N, C-alpha and C. Protein backbone atom coordinates (compact mmCIF):
# COMPACT_ATOMS: atom_id res chain seq x y z
N UNK A 1 200.50 -102.31 113.23
CA UNK A 1 201.45 -101.56 114.06
C UNK A 1 202.41 -102.50 114.79
N UNK A 2 201.86 -103.52 115.48
CA UNK A 2 202.72 -104.44 116.22
C UNK A 2 203.62 -105.22 115.27
N UNK A 3 203.09 -105.56 114.09
CA UNK A 3 203.91 -106.28 113.11
C UNK A 3 205.13 -105.46 112.71
N UNK A 4 204.95 -104.18 112.54
CA UNK A 4 206.06 -103.30 112.16
C UNK A 4 207.11 -103.24 113.27
N UNK A 5 206.65 -103.20 114.52
CA UNK A 5 207.58 -103.16 115.64
C UNK A 5 208.38 -104.46 115.74
N UNK A 6 207.71 -105.58 115.52
CA UNK A 6 208.40 -106.87 115.55
C UNK A 6 209.45 -106.93 114.46
N UNK A 7 209.09 -106.53 113.26
CA UNK A 7 210.04 -106.52 112.15
C UNK A 7 211.21 -105.60 112.44
N UNK A 8 210.94 -104.46 113.08
CA UNK A 8 212.01 -103.51 113.42
C UNK A 8 212.99 -104.13 114.42
N UNK A 9 212.48 -104.90 115.40
CA UNK A 9 213.36 -105.60 116.35
C UNK A 9 214.27 -106.57 115.62
N UNK A 10 213.70 -107.38 114.75
CA UNK A 10 214.50 -108.35 113.99
C UNK A 10 215.55 -107.65 113.14
N UNK A 11 215.16 -106.57 112.48
CA UNK A 11 216.08 -105.87 111.59
C UNK A 11 217.23 -105.24 112.36
N UNK A 12 216.90 -104.57 113.48
CA UNK A 12 217.95 -103.93 114.28
C UNK A 12 218.92 -104.96 114.84
N UNK A 13 218.39 -106.10 115.31
CA UNK A 13 219.24 -107.15 115.86
C UNK A 13 220.16 -107.72 114.79
N UNK A 14 219.60 -107.99 113.62
CA UNK A 14 220.39 -108.57 112.53
C UNK A 14 221.47 -107.60 112.07
N UNK A 15 221.13 -106.32 111.97
CA UNK A 15 222.10 -105.32 111.53
C UNK A 15 223.24 -105.17 112.53
N UNK A 16 222.90 -105.16 113.82
CA UNK A 16 223.94 -105.05 114.83
C UNK A 16 224.89 -106.23 114.76
N UNK A 17 224.37 -107.42 114.70
CA UNK A 17 225.22 -108.61 114.65
C UNK A 17 226.13 -108.59 113.42
N UNK A 18 225.58 -108.20 112.30
CA UNK A 18 226.36 -108.15 111.07
C UNK A 18 227.44 -107.08 111.15
N UNK A 19 227.08 -105.89 111.63
CA UNK A 19 228.02 -104.77 111.67
C UNK A 19 229.08 -104.93 112.75
N UNK A 20 228.74 -105.61 113.85
CA UNK A 20 229.66 -105.73 114.98
C UNK A 20 230.63 -106.89 114.84
N UNK A 21 230.37 -107.79 113.92
CA UNK A 21 231.17 -109.01 113.82
C UNK A 21 232.65 -108.72 113.67
N UNK A 22 233.02 -107.82 112.76
CA UNK A 22 234.43 -107.54 112.51
C UNK A 22 235.11 -106.97 113.75
N UNK A 23 234.38 -106.17 114.53
CA UNK A 23 234.94 -105.54 115.73
C UNK A 23 235.08 -106.53 116.88
N UNK A 24 234.18 -107.51 116.96
CA UNK A 24 234.15 -108.39 118.13
C UNK A 24 234.89 -109.71 117.93
N UNK A 25 235.20 -110.06 116.69
CA UNK A 25 235.80 -111.38 116.46
C UNK A 25 237.13 -111.54 117.19
N UNK A 26 237.96 -110.51 117.21
CA UNK A 26 239.27 -110.64 117.86
C UNK A 26 239.16 -110.77 119.37
N UNK A 27 238.39 -109.92 120.07
CA UNK A 27 238.27 -110.14 121.52
C UNK A 27 237.59 -111.46 121.88
N UNK A 28 236.65 -111.92 121.07
CA UNK A 28 236.02 -113.22 121.36
C UNK A 28 237.05 -114.33 121.20
N UNK A 29 237.86 -114.26 120.15
CA UNK A 29 238.92 -115.26 119.95
C UNK A 29 239.92 -115.22 121.10
N UNK A 30 240.24 -114.03 121.58
CA UNK A 30 241.16 -113.92 122.72
C UNK A 30 240.55 -114.52 123.99
N UNK A 31 239.23 -114.35 124.16
CA UNK A 31 238.55 -114.94 125.31
C UNK A 31 238.56 -116.46 125.23
N UNK A 32 238.35 -117.00 124.03
CA UNK A 32 238.42 -118.46 123.84
C UNK A 32 239.80 -118.96 124.25
N UNK A 33 240.84 -118.28 123.80
CA UNK A 33 242.20 -118.70 124.13
C UNK A 33 242.47 -118.65 125.63
N UNK A 34 241.99 -117.60 126.27
CA UNK A 34 242.16 -117.45 127.72
C UNK A 34 241.45 -118.58 128.47
N UNK A 35 240.22 -118.88 128.07
CA UNK A 35 239.45 -119.93 128.73
C UNK A 35 240.02 -121.31 128.44
N UNK A 36 240.43 -121.53 127.21
CA UNK A 36 241.06 -122.80 126.85
C UNK A 36 242.31 -123.04 127.70
N UNK A 37 243.12 -122.01 127.84
CA UNK A 37 244.35 -122.14 128.63
C UNK A 37 244.03 -122.49 130.08
N UNK A 38 243.02 -121.80 130.65
CA UNK A 38 242.65 -122.07 132.04
C UNK A 38 242.12 -123.49 132.20
N UNK A 39 241.20 -123.90 131.34
CA UNK A 39 240.59 -125.22 131.46
C UNK A 39 241.61 -126.33 131.23
N UNK A 40 242.51 -126.14 130.28
CA UNK A 40 243.50 -127.18 129.99
C UNK A 40 244.53 -127.30 131.09
N UNK A 41 244.63 -126.27 131.95
CA UNK A 41 245.56 -126.31 133.09
C UNK A 41 244.86 -126.72 134.38
N UNK A 42 243.61 -127.18 134.28
CA UNK A 42 242.90 -127.67 135.45
C UNK A 42 242.18 -126.60 136.24
N UNK A 43 242.05 -125.39 135.66
CA UNK A 43 241.34 -124.32 136.35
C UNK A 43 239.87 -124.29 135.93
N UNK A 44 239.12 -123.35 136.48
CA UNK A 44 237.68 -123.29 136.24
C UNK A 44 237.27 -121.89 135.83
N UNK A 45 236.00 -121.77 135.44
CA UNK A 45 235.44 -120.48 135.06
C UNK A 45 234.27 -120.15 135.99
N UNK A 46 234.35 -119.00 136.65
CA UNK A 46 233.26 -118.48 137.47
C UNK A 46 232.53 -117.42 136.66
N UNK A 47 231.19 -117.38 136.74
CA UNK A 47 230.41 -116.48 135.91
C UNK A 47 229.46 -115.66 136.78
N UNK A 48 229.25 -114.39 136.42
CA UNK A 48 228.31 -113.57 137.18
C UNK A 48 227.66 -112.49 136.32
N UNK A 49 226.46 -112.10 136.74
CA UNK A 49 225.71 -111.05 136.07
C UNK A 49 224.41 -110.82 136.82
N UNK A 50 223.74 -109.72 136.53
CA UNK A 50 222.47 -109.37 137.18
C UNK A 50 221.33 -109.48 136.17
N UNK A 51 220.16 -109.89 136.65
CA UNK A 51 218.97 -109.93 135.79
C UNK A 51 219.16 -110.84 134.59
N UNK A 52 218.92 -110.31 133.40
CA UNK A 52 219.12 -111.09 132.19
C UNK A 52 220.56 -111.57 132.05
N UNK A 53 221.49 -110.79 132.56
CA UNK A 53 222.90 -111.18 132.52
C UNK A 53 223.19 -112.32 133.50
N UNK A 54 222.41 -112.43 134.58
CA UNK A 54 222.52 -113.59 135.46
C UNK A 54 222.12 -114.85 134.69
N UNK A 55 221.05 -114.73 133.90
CA UNK A 55 220.63 -115.86 133.07
C UNK A 55 221.71 -116.22 132.06
N UNK A 56 222.38 -115.21 131.50
CA UNK A 56 223.48 -115.48 130.56
C UNK A 56 224.61 -116.23 131.25
N UNK A 57 224.94 -115.83 132.47
CA UNK A 57 226.03 -116.51 133.17
C UNK A 57 225.66 -117.96 133.47
N UNK A 58 224.39 -118.20 133.81
CA UNK A 58 223.94 -119.56 134.06
C UNK A 58 223.91 -120.37 132.75
N UNK A 59 223.51 -119.74 131.68
CA UNK A 59 223.47 -120.40 130.37
C UNK A 59 224.87 -120.89 130.00
N UNK A 60 225.86 -120.01 130.15
CA UNK A 60 227.24 -120.39 129.80
C UNK A 60 227.72 -121.56 130.66
N UNK A 61 227.49 -121.47 131.97
CA UNK A 61 227.94 -122.55 132.86
C UNK A 61 227.26 -123.87 132.51
N UNK A 62 225.98 -123.80 132.17
CA UNK A 62 225.26 -125.02 131.81
C UNK A 62 225.83 -125.67 130.56
N UNK A 63 226.21 -124.85 129.58
CA UNK A 63 226.79 -125.37 128.33
C UNK A 63 228.12 -126.07 128.59
N UNK A 64 228.91 -125.55 129.55
CA UNK A 64 230.20 -126.16 129.83
C UNK A 64 230.07 -127.41 130.68
N UNK A 65 229.27 -127.33 131.73
CA UNK A 65 229.14 -128.49 132.62
C UNK A 65 228.36 -129.61 131.93
N UNK A 66 227.35 -129.25 131.18
CA UNK A 66 226.60 -130.23 130.40
C UNK A 66 227.31 -130.45 129.06
N UNK A 67 226.76 -129.83 128.05
CA UNK A 67 227.41 -129.89 126.74
C UNK A 67 226.89 -128.74 125.90
N UNK A 68 227.64 -128.43 124.85
CA UNK A 68 227.18 -127.44 123.88
C UNK A 68 226.59 -128.19 122.69
N UNK A 69 227.43 -128.61 121.74
CA UNK A 69 226.91 -129.33 120.57
C UNK A 69 227.57 -130.69 120.35
N UNK A 70 228.39 -131.10 121.27
CA UNK A 70 229.05 -132.40 121.12
C UNK A 70 229.12 -133.11 122.46
N UNK A 71 229.20 -134.42 122.41
CA UNK A 71 229.40 -135.20 123.62
C UNK A 71 230.85 -135.07 124.05
N UNK A 72 231.06 -134.74 125.31
CA UNK A 72 232.41 -134.60 125.86
C UNK A 72 232.32 -134.66 127.37
N UNK A 73 233.47 -134.70 128.01
CA UNK A 73 233.51 -134.67 129.46
C UNK A 73 233.04 -133.29 129.95
N UNK A 74 232.43 -133.22 131.13
CA UNK A 74 232.02 -131.93 131.68
C UNK A 74 233.23 -131.02 131.92
N UNK A 75 233.02 -129.74 131.75
CA UNK A 75 234.06 -128.75 132.00
C UNK A 75 233.67 -127.91 133.21
N UNK A 76 234.64 -127.53 134.06
CA UNK A 76 234.31 -126.86 135.33
C UNK A 76 233.95 -125.38 135.16
N UNK A 77 232.68 -125.08 135.34
CA UNK A 77 232.19 -123.70 135.31
C UNK A 77 231.07 -123.58 136.33
N UNK A 78 230.95 -122.39 136.92
CA UNK A 78 229.93 -122.20 137.97
C UNK A 78 229.39 -120.78 137.89
N UNK A 79 228.06 -120.67 137.86
CA UNK A 79 227.40 -119.37 137.91
C UNK A 79 227.23 -118.95 139.36
N UNK A 80 227.59 -117.73 139.67
CA UNK A 80 227.53 -117.24 141.05
C UNK A 80 226.19 -116.62 141.40
N UNK A 81 225.21 -116.76 140.50
CA UNK A 81 223.89 -116.16 140.72
C UNK A 81 222.83 -117.19 141.10
N UNK A 82 223.24 -118.41 141.39
CA UNK A 82 222.25 -119.49 141.54
C UNK A 82 221.92 -119.88 142.97
N UNK A 83 222.80 -119.60 143.92
CA UNK A 83 222.56 -120.02 145.30
C UNK A 83 221.89 -118.88 146.07
N UNK A 84 220.57 -118.96 146.20
CA UNK A 84 219.83 -117.87 146.83
C UNK A 84 220.18 -117.70 148.30
N UNK A 85 220.55 -118.77 148.98
CA UNK A 85 220.93 -118.64 150.39
C UNK A 85 222.21 -117.82 150.54
N UNK A 86 223.19 -118.12 149.69
CA UNK A 86 224.43 -117.34 149.73
C UNK A 86 224.17 -115.88 149.36
N UNK A 87 223.44 -115.67 148.26
CA UNK A 87 223.20 -114.31 147.78
C UNK A 87 222.44 -113.47 148.80
N UNK A 88 221.37 -114.04 149.36
CA UNK A 88 220.56 -113.26 150.31
C UNK A 88 221.28 -113.04 151.63
N UNK A 89 222.08 -114.02 152.05
CA UNK A 89 222.85 -113.84 153.29
C UNK A 89 223.86 -112.70 153.13
N UNK A 90 224.59 -112.70 152.01
CA UNK A 90 225.60 -111.66 151.79
C UNK A 90 224.93 -110.30 151.63
N UNK A 91 223.85 -110.26 150.85
CA UNK A 91 223.15 -108.99 150.63
C UNK A 91 222.58 -108.44 151.93
N UNK A 92 222.07 -109.32 152.77
CA UNK A 92 221.47 -108.90 154.04
C UNK A 92 222.52 -108.52 155.08
N UNK A 93 223.57 -109.32 155.19
CA UNK A 93 224.55 -109.12 156.26
C UNK A 93 225.64 -108.11 155.88
N UNK A 94 225.89 -107.95 154.60
CA UNK A 94 226.93 -107.03 154.14
C UNK A 94 226.30 -105.99 153.20
N UNK A 95 226.29 -106.29 151.90
CA UNK A 95 225.61 -105.41 150.94
C UNK A 95 225.46 -106.15 149.63
N UNK A 96 224.51 -105.68 148.81
CA UNK A 96 224.30 -106.30 147.51
C UNK A 96 225.55 -106.18 146.63
N UNK A 97 226.33 -105.16 146.86
CA UNK A 97 227.55 -104.97 146.08
C UNK A 97 228.52 -106.14 146.24
N UNK A 98 228.42 -106.88 147.34
CA UNK A 98 229.40 -107.93 147.64
C UNK A 98 228.90 -109.34 147.31
N UNK A 99 227.72 -109.48 146.68
CA UNK A 99 227.17 -110.82 146.50
C UNK A 99 228.04 -111.71 145.61
N UNK A 100 228.76 -111.11 144.68
CA UNK A 100 229.64 -111.90 143.82
C UNK A 100 231.09 -111.88 144.30
N UNK A 101 231.54 -110.74 144.82
CA UNK A 101 232.95 -110.64 145.22
C UNK A 101 233.29 -111.61 146.34
N UNK A 102 232.37 -111.80 147.30
CA UNK A 102 232.64 -112.75 148.38
C UNK A 102 232.71 -114.18 147.85
N UNK A 103 231.89 -114.48 146.84
CA UNK A 103 231.96 -115.82 146.25
C UNK A 103 233.26 -116.02 145.46
N UNK A 104 233.72 -114.96 144.80
CA UNK A 104 235.01 -115.06 144.12
C UNK A 104 236.12 -115.28 145.14
N UNK A 105 236.02 -114.61 146.30
CA UNK A 105 237.00 -114.85 147.37
C UNK A 105 236.96 -116.30 147.84
N UNK A 106 235.75 -116.86 147.92
CA UNK A 106 235.59 -118.22 148.44
C UNK A 106 236.02 -119.28 147.44
N UNK A 107 235.68 -119.08 146.16
CA UNK A 107 235.85 -120.15 145.17
C UNK A 107 236.96 -119.90 144.16
N UNK A 108 237.36 -118.64 143.97
CA UNK A 108 238.33 -118.32 142.93
C UNK A 108 239.76 -118.62 143.35
N UNK A 109 240.54 -119.10 142.40
CA UNK A 109 241.96 -119.38 142.63
C UNK A 109 242.77 -118.81 141.49
N UNK A 110 244.05 -118.61 141.73
CA UNK A 110 244.93 -118.11 140.68
C UNK A 110 244.84 -119.01 139.45
N UNK A 111 244.70 -118.40 138.30
CA UNK A 111 244.59 -119.15 137.06
C UNK A 111 243.17 -119.39 136.60
N UNK A 112 242.18 -119.20 137.51
CA UNK A 112 240.78 -119.30 137.11
C UNK A 112 240.39 -118.09 136.26
N UNK A 113 239.23 -118.18 135.63
CA UNK A 113 238.70 -117.08 134.82
C UNK A 113 237.37 -116.63 135.40
N UNK A 114 237.17 -115.31 135.49
CA UNK A 114 235.88 -114.75 135.84
C UNK A 114 235.24 -114.23 134.57
N UNK A 115 234.08 -114.79 134.22
CA UNK A 115 233.29 -114.31 133.08
C UNK A 115 232.22 -113.40 133.64
N UNK A 116 232.31 -112.09 133.35
CA UNK A 116 231.45 -111.09 133.98
C UNK A 116 230.59 -110.38 132.94
N UNK A 117 229.28 -110.38 133.17
CA UNK A 117 228.33 -109.74 132.27
C UNK A 117 227.77 -108.47 132.91
N UNK A 118 227.83 -107.35 132.21
CA UNK A 118 227.15 -106.13 132.62
C UNK A 118 226.95 -105.28 131.37
N UNK A 119 225.72 -105.09 130.95
CA UNK A 119 225.47 -104.39 129.70
C UNK A 119 225.97 -102.95 129.75
N UNK A 120 225.95 -102.33 130.92
CA UNK A 120 226.39 -100.94 131.05
C UNK A 120 227.88 -100.82 131.32
N UNK A 121 228.47 -101.87 131.88
CA UNK A 121 229.86 -101.80 132.33
C UNK A 121 230.00 -101.12 133.68
N UNK A 122 228.87 -100.80 134.33
CA UNK A 122 228.91 -100.02 135.57
C UNK A 122 228.31 -100.72 136.79
N UNK A 123 227.90 -101.98 136.67
CA UNK A 123 227.26 -102.68 137.80
C UNK A 123 228.24 -102.81 138.95
N UNK A 124 227.89 -102.23 140.11
CA UNK A 124 228.82 -102.17 141.23
C UNK A 124 229.24 -103.56 141.71
N UNK A 125 228.31 -104.51 141.75
CA UNK A 125 228.67 -105.84 142.25
C UNK A 125 229.56 -106.60 141.26
N UNK A 126 229.42 -106.31 139.97
CA UNK A 126 230.30 -106.93 138.97
C UNK A 126 231.69 -106.33 139.06
N UNK A 127 231.77 -105.02 139.19
CA UNK A 127 233.07 -104.36 139.32
C UNK A 127 233.80 -104.84 140.59
N UNK A 128 233.06 -105.04 141.67
CA UNK A 128 233.67 -105.53 142.91
C UNK A 128 234.20 -106.95 142.72
N UNK A 129 233.46 -107.78 142.01
CA UNK A 129 233.91 -109.15 141.75
C UNK A 129 235.18 -109.14 140.90
N UNK A 130 235.24 -108.25 139.93
CA UNK A 130 236.43 -108.15 139.08
C UNK A 130 237.64 -107.71 139.89
N UNK A 131 237.45 -106.75 140.79
CA UNK A 131 238.56 -106.30 141.63
C UNK A 131 239.14 -107.46 142.44
N UNK A 132 238.26 -108.27 143.01
CA UNK A 132 238.72 -109.42 143.80
C UNK A 132 239.41 -110.45 142.90
N UNK A 133 238.83 -110.69 141.73
CA UNK A 133 239.44 -111.65 140.80
C UNK A 133 240.86 -111.24 140.43
N UNK A 134 241.05 -109.97 140.14
CA UNK A 134 242.38 -109.49 139.77
C UNK A 134 243.34 -109.61 140.95
N UNK A 135 242.85 -109.31 142.16
CA UNK A 135 243.68 -109.47 143.37
C UNK A 135 244.12 -110.92 143.55
N UNK A 136 243.27 -111.85 143.14
CA UNK A 136 243.56 -113.28 143.33
C UNK A 136 244.32 -113.87 142.14
N UNK A 137 244.79 -113.03 141.24
CA UNK A 137 245.56 -113.46 140.06
C UNK A 137 244.72 -114.34 139.14
N UNK A 138 243.43 -114.02 139.07
CA UNK A 138 242.55 -114.64 138.07
C UNK A 138 242.55 -113.76 136.83
N UNK A 139 242.06 -114.30 135.73
CA UNK A 139 241.87 -113.51 134.51
C UNK A 139 240.39 -113.21 134.36
N UNK A 140 240.08 -112.13 133.67
CA UNK A 140 238.70 -111.68 133.52
C UNK A 140 238.33 -111.58 132.04
N UNK A 141 237.16 -112.09 131.71
CA UNK A 141 236.52 -111.83 130.42
C UNK A 141 235.25 -111.05 130.74
N UNK A 142 235.17 -109.81 130.28
CA UNK A 142 234.02 -108.94 130.57
C UNK A 142 233.20 -108.73 129.30
N UNK A 143 231.90 -108.96 129.40
CA UNK A 143 230.98 -108.68 128.31
C UNK A 143 230.13 -107.48 128.68
N UNK A 144 230.26 -106.40 127.91
CA UNK A 144 229.55 -105.16 128.20
C UNK A 144 228.92 -104.61 126.93
N UNK A 145 228.47 -103.38 127.02
CA UNK A 145 227.97 -102.60 125.90
C UNK A 145 228.03 -101.14 126.31
N UNK A 146 227.34 -100.27 125.56
CA UNK A 146 227.23 -98.85 125.92
C UNK A 146 228.58 -98.19 126.16
N UNK A 147 229.58 -98.59 125.41
CA UNK A 147 230.91 -98.00 125.54
C UNK A 147 231.78 -98.59 126.62
N UNK A 148 231.24 -99.50 127.42
CA UNK A 148 232.03 -100.21 128.43
C UNK A 148 232.00 -99.61 129.81
N UNK A 149 231.61 -98.34 129.95
CA UNK A 149 231.48 -97.72 131.26
C UNK A 149 232.75 -97.82 132.10
N UNK A 150 232.56 -98.04 133.41
CA UNK A 150 233.68 -98.11 134.34
C UNK A 150 234.57 -99.32 134.10
N UNK A 151 234.05 -100.30 133.35
CA UNK A 151 234.85 -101.48 133.05
C UNK A 151 236.15 -101.13 132.34
N UNK A 152 236.13 -100.04 131.58
CA UNK A 152 237.32 -99.64 130.82
C UNK A 152 238.51 -99.32 131.73
N UNK A 153 238.23 -98.91 132.97
CA UNK A 153 239.32 -98.60 133.91
C UNK A 153 239.64 -99.76 134.85
N UNK A 154 238.88 -100.86 134.78
CA UNK A 154 239.05 -101.95 135.74
C UNK A 154 239.99 -103.04 135.24
N UNK A 155 239.96 -103.33 133.96
CA UNK A 155 240.63 -104.51 133.44
C UNK A 155 242.12 -104.26 133.22
N UNK A 156 242.90 -105.35 133.31
CA UNK A 156 244.33 -105.28 133.04
C UNK A 156 244.59 -105.72 131.61
N UNK A 157 245.83 -105.60 131.19
CA UNK A 157 246.20 -106.01 129.83
C UNK A 157 246.05 -107.52 129.63
N UNK A 158 246.03 -108.27 130.73
CA UNK A 158 245.89 -109.73 130.63
C UNK A 158 244.43 -110.16 130.49
N UNK A 159 243.50 -109.22 130.64
CA UNK A 159 242.08 -109.53 130.59
C UNK A 159 241.52 -109.25 129.19
N UNK A 160 240.25 -109.63 128.98
CA UNK A 160 239.60 -109.44 127.68
C UNK A 160 238.29 -108.70 127.89
N UNK A 161 238.08 -107.66 127.09
CA UNK A 161 236.85 -106.87 127.14
C UNK A 161 236.11 -107.02 125.82
N UNK A 162 234.91 -107.59 125.87
CA UNK A 162 234.06 -107.75 124.69
C UNK A 162 232.92 -106.74 124.84
N UNK A 163 233.05 -105.61 124.19
CA UNK A 163 232.09 -104.51 124.34
C UNK A 163 231.23 -104.37 123.10
N UNK A 164 229.95 -104.66 123.23
CA UNK A 164 229.02 -104.59 122.09
C UNK A 164 228.78 -103.12 121.75
N UNK A 165 229.00 -102.72 120.50
CA UNK A 165 228.86 -101.32 120.12
C UNK A 165 227.40 -100.90 119.92
N UNK A 166 226.67 -100.82 121.02
CA UNK A 166 225.26 -100.43 120.97
C UNK A 166 224.85 -99.91 122.33
N UNK A 167 223.76 -99.12 122.37
CA UNK A 167 223.30 -98.54 123.63
C UNK A 167 222.00 -99.16 124.14
N UNK A 168 221.38 -100.04 123.38
CA UNK A 168 220.11 -100.62 123.78
C UNK A 168 220.34 -101.95 124.47
N UNK A 169 219.87 -102.07 125.71
CA UNK A 169 220.16 -103.25 126.52
C UNK A 169 219.73 -104.55 125.84
N UNK A 170 218.54 -104.58 125.26
CA UNK A 170 218.05 -105.80 124.63
C UNK A 170 218.98 -106.25 123.51
N UNK A 171 219.44 -105.31 122.69
CA UNK A 171 220.33 -105.67 121.58
C UNK A 171 221.68 -106.15 122.11
N UNK A 172 222.18 -105.50 123.14
CA UNK A 172 223.46 -105.92 123.74
C UNK A 172 223.34 -107.35 124.25
N UNK A 173 222.25 -107.65 124.94
CA UNK A 173 222.07 -109.00 125.48
C UNK A 173 221.95 -110.04 124.37
N UNK A 174 221.36 -109.67 123.25
CA UNK A 174 221.25 -110.62 122.13
C UNK A 174 222.63 -110.96 121.57
N UNK A 175 223.50 -109.96 121.51
CA UNK A 175 224.87 -110.23 121.05
C UNK A 175 225.65 -110.99 122.11
N UNK A 176 225.38 -110.72 123.38
CA UNK A 176 226.02 -111.49 124.44
C UNK A 176 225.68 -112.98 124.31
N UNK A 177 224.43 -113.27 124.00
CA UNK A 177 224.03 -114.67 123.83
C UNK A 177 224.77 -115.32 122.67
N UNK A 178 224.87 -114.62 121.55
CA UNK A 178 225.63 -115.16 120.42
C UNK A 178 227.09 -115.36 120.81
N UNK A 179 227.63 -114.42 121.58
CA UNK A 179 229.01 -114.52 122.04
C UNK A 179 229.21 -115.76 122.92
N UNK A 180 228.24 -116.03 123.80
CA UNK A 180 228.30 -117.24 124.63
C UNK A 180 228.46 -118.48 123.76
N UNK A 181 227.66 -118.56 122.72
CA UNK A 181 227.73 -119.72 121.83
C UNK A 181 229.05 -119.78 121.08
N UNK A 182 229.59 -118.62 120.69
CA UNK A 182 230.91 -118.60 120.05
C UNK A 182 231.98 -119.08 121.02
N UNK A 183 231.89 -118.66 122.29
CA UNK A 183 232.86 -119.10 123.29
C UNK A 183 232.79 -120.60 123.51
N UNK A 184 231.57 -121.13 123.64
CA UNK A 184 231.40 -122.57 123.87
C UNK A 184 231.94 -123.37 122.69
N UNK A 185 231.62 -122.94 121.49
CA UNK A 185 232.11 -123.63 120.29
C UNK A 185 233.63 -123.56 120.22
N UNK A 186 234.18 -122.38 120.48
CA UNK A 186 235.63 -122.21 120.41
C UNK A 186 236.36 -123.06 121.44
N UNK A 187 235.82 -123.12 122.64
CA UNK A 187 236.42 -123.94 123.69
C UNK A 187 236.39 -125.41 123.29
N UNK A 188 235.26 -125.88 122.79
CA UNK A 188 235.16 -127.29 122.37
C UNK A 188 236.16 -127.62 121.28
N UNK A 189 236.28 -126.75 120.29
CA UNK A 189 237.22 -127.00 119.19
C UNK A 189 238.66 -126.95 119.70
N UNK A 190 238.97 -125.97 120.57
CA UNK A 190 240.33 -125.86 121.09
C UNK A 190 240.71 -127.08 121.94
N UNK A 191 239.77 -127.57 122.74
CA UNK A 191 240.05 -128.70 123.62
C UNK A 191 240.01 -130.05 122.92
N UNK A 192 239.09 -130.19 121.97
CA UNK A 192 238.82 -131.52 121.40
C UNK A 192 239.02 -131.59 119.89
N UNK A 193 239.25 -130.46 119.24
CA UNK A 193 239.56 -130.44 117.82
C UNK A 193 238.37 -130.69 116.92
N UNK A 194 238.57 -130.40 115.62
CA UNK A 194 237.58 -130.72 114.62
C UNK A 194 236.30 -129.92 114.74
N UNK A 195 235.27 -130.46 114.15
CA UNK A 195 233.97 -129.82 114.11
C UNK A 195 232.93 -130.81 114.62
N UNK A 196 231.85 -130.30 115.16
CA UNK A 196 230.82 -131.18 115.73
C UNK A 196 230.26 -132.14 114.66
N UNK A 197 230.34 -131.74 113.41
CA UNK A 197 229.81 -132.58 112.34
C UNK A 197 230.83 -133.54 111.75
N UNK A 198 232.11 -133.46 112.24
CA UNK A 198 233.15 -134.36 111.71
C UNK A 198 232.89 -135.81 112.11
């Protein structure tokens, strides 16, 4: 019984990735271009998400500040889910909805990019962070699923929405992880050229 369930997870994940590729390749490429432009102009990328999506935002920042698959200079990226003192102070003194938006106010500047993860597209604290980012003339790359939710009404034409065409959170997060790696690879190639194996 458990073996069948495990096989079903693998099959569903593989099918989603295969079927979604054609739909997602263009927005992912647009996100790479947006991030490349920001980084090459001396700007940075701020990342946020809740739960597993917080881990995704930290994963992305780690790949940029450290490295992905090649040796290179560190790139400026910061996950907004890592400082527990900031998060708990804001949540306690204001509200949980503001834990990311206040950090975007503090650290975000015009030309920066906000990379926002929310599988539903409806996370109130992510939507609040996006509102502040847009007010500050930042660009937004949003990774969602489940049709995009409220995110569909939040983004401007200058932003990028990567919406995984699935309703199951685990599957959406698996595609988000693959997307992170596509973004990191695309940024490295755009900034430094060639292939890691060249």
